């Protein structure tokens, strides 16, 4: 039996680029948290969390790093998503890879 690897590259191929907001919402839902509870954990307002999740606001690299640290996730992953979203918003066609 062969097990196929299915990671972020495969997700992007099949569903498009993952955004910071989508990842944040998925994390929150995976933890079974309401927006209100998760916003409190992050130290932001519920409306700010909603704006981040819906992509109406793109966090700076510093804010993305702070979020990652609060949820104990890899900083590089979250910063990469934030930078990629910012580039896409400005219609700059570059792919960011954080080591």
Protein backbone atom coordinates (compact mmCIF):
# COMPACT_ATOMS: atom_id res chain seq x y z
CA UNK A 1 0.00 0.00 0.00
CA UNK A 2 1.42 3.38 -1.02
CA UNK A 3 0.57 6.43 1.03
CA UNK A 4 0.55 9.68 -0.92
CA UNK A 5 1.80 12.84 0.71
CA UNK A 6 -0.78 15.60 0.72
CA UNK A 7 0.59 18.88 2.03
CA UNK A 8 0.35 22.58 1.33
CA UNK A 9 1.67 22.24 -2.22
CA UNK A 10 -1.02 19.72 -3.06
CA UNK A 11 -3.71 21.80 -1.35
CA UNK A 12 -2.66 24.86 -3.37
CA UNK A 13 -2.66 22.84 -6.58
CA UNK A 14 -6.16 21.50 -5.94
CA UNK A 15 -7.84 24.47 -4.23
CA UNK A 16 -5.74 27.58 -4.85
CA UNK A 17 -3.44 29.46 -2.54
CA UNK A 18 -4.22 29.32 1.16
CA UNK A 19 -4.74 32.73 2.74
CA UNK A 20 -3.93 33.91 6.24
CA UNK A 21 -7.63 34.39 6.92
CA UNK A 22 -8.61 30.94 5.74
CA UNK A 23 -5.85 29.35 7.82
CA UNK A 24 -6.84 31.38 10.88
CA UNK A 25 -10.50 30.45 10.56
CA UNK A 26 -9.62 26.79 10.01
CA UNK A 27 -7.43 26.80 13.09
CA UNK A 28 -10.19 28.39 15.17
CA UNK A 29 -12.83 25.96 13.97
CA UNK A 30 -10.47 23.02 14.47
CA UNK A 31 -10.04 24.09 18.09
CA UNK A 32 -13.82 24.39 18.47
CA UNK A 33 -13.62 28.06 19.45
CA UNK A 34 -16.12 30.81 18.81
CA UNK A 35 -14.89 34.03 17.24
CA UNK A 36 -15.45 35.79 20.56
CA UNK A 37 -13.36 33.29 22.55
CA UNK A 38 -10.60 33.12 19.95
CA UNK A 39 -10.43 36.91 19.66
CA UNK A 40 -10.00 37.12 23.43
CA UNK A 41 -7.19 34.54 23.25
CA UNK A 42 -5.47 36.64 20.58
CA UNK A 43 -6.07 39.90 22.45
CA UNK A 44 -8.02 41.51 19.61
CA UNK A 45 -11.64 42.47 19.08
CA UNK A 46 -14.10 40.04 17.56
CA UNK A 47 -14.62 42.41 14.63
CA UNK A 48 -10.85 42.50 13.98
CA UNK A 49 -10.78 38.71 13.99
CA UNK A 50 -13.70 38.60 11.57
CA UNK A 51 -11.91 41.07 9.26
CA UNK A 52 -8.77 38.90 9.33
CA UNK A 53 -10.69 35.69 8.67
CA UNK A 54 -12.63 37.20 5.77
CA UNK A 55 -9.52 38.74 4.21
CA UNK A 56 -10.76 42.31 4.64
CA UNK A 57 -7.57 43.01 6.59
CA UNK A 58 -4.17 41.54 5.95
CA UNK A 59 -1.88 41.43 8.97
CA UNK A 60 1.64 42.78 8.95
CA UNK A 61 4.44 40.27 9.34
CA UNK A 62 4.76 41.39 12.97
CA UNK A 63 1.08 40.83 13.71
CA UNK A 64 1.14 37.46 11.95
CA UNK A 65 4.13 36.50 14.09
CA UNK A 66 2.32 37.56 17.27
CA UNK A 67 -0.73 35.50 16.30
CA UNK A 68 1.43 32.44 15.61
CA UNK A 69 3.13 32.75 18.98
CA UNK A 70 -0.18 33.09 20.84
CA UNK A 71 -1.54 29.93 19.24
CA UNK A 72 1.82 28.14 19.52
CA UNK A 73 2.15 27.53 15.78
CA UNK A 74 5.19 27.94 13.49
CA UNK A 75 5.85 31.65 13.00
CA UNK A 76 7.35 31.22 9.52
CA UNK A 77 4.16 29.62 8.16
CA UNK A 78 1.88 32.41 9.38
CA UNK A 79 4.24 35.21 8.32
CA UNK A 80 4.57 33.62 4.89
CA UNK A 81 0.78 33.59 4.48
CA UNK A 82 0.50 37.24 5.53
CA UNK A 83 3.24 38.36 3.15
CA UNK A 84 1.77 36.32 0.30
CA UNK A 85 -1.67 37.88 0.89
CA UNK A 86 -0.15 41.36 0.87
CA UNK A 87 1.64 40.70 -2.41
CA UNK A 88 -1.51 39.29 -3.98
CA UNK A 89 -3.54 42.30 -2.84
CA UNK A 90 -1.05 44.56 -4.61
CA UNK A 91 -1.13 42.34 -7.72
CA UNK A 92 2.55 41.47 -7.35
CA UNK A 93 3.10 38.05 -8.80
CA UNK A 94 5.80 36.63 -6.54
CA UNK A 95 5.80 33.46 -4.52
CA UNK A 96 7.16 33.72 -1.00
CA UNK A 97 8.99 30.80 0.61
CA UNK A 98 10.17 31.19 4.16
CA UNK A 99 12.92 28.83 5.25
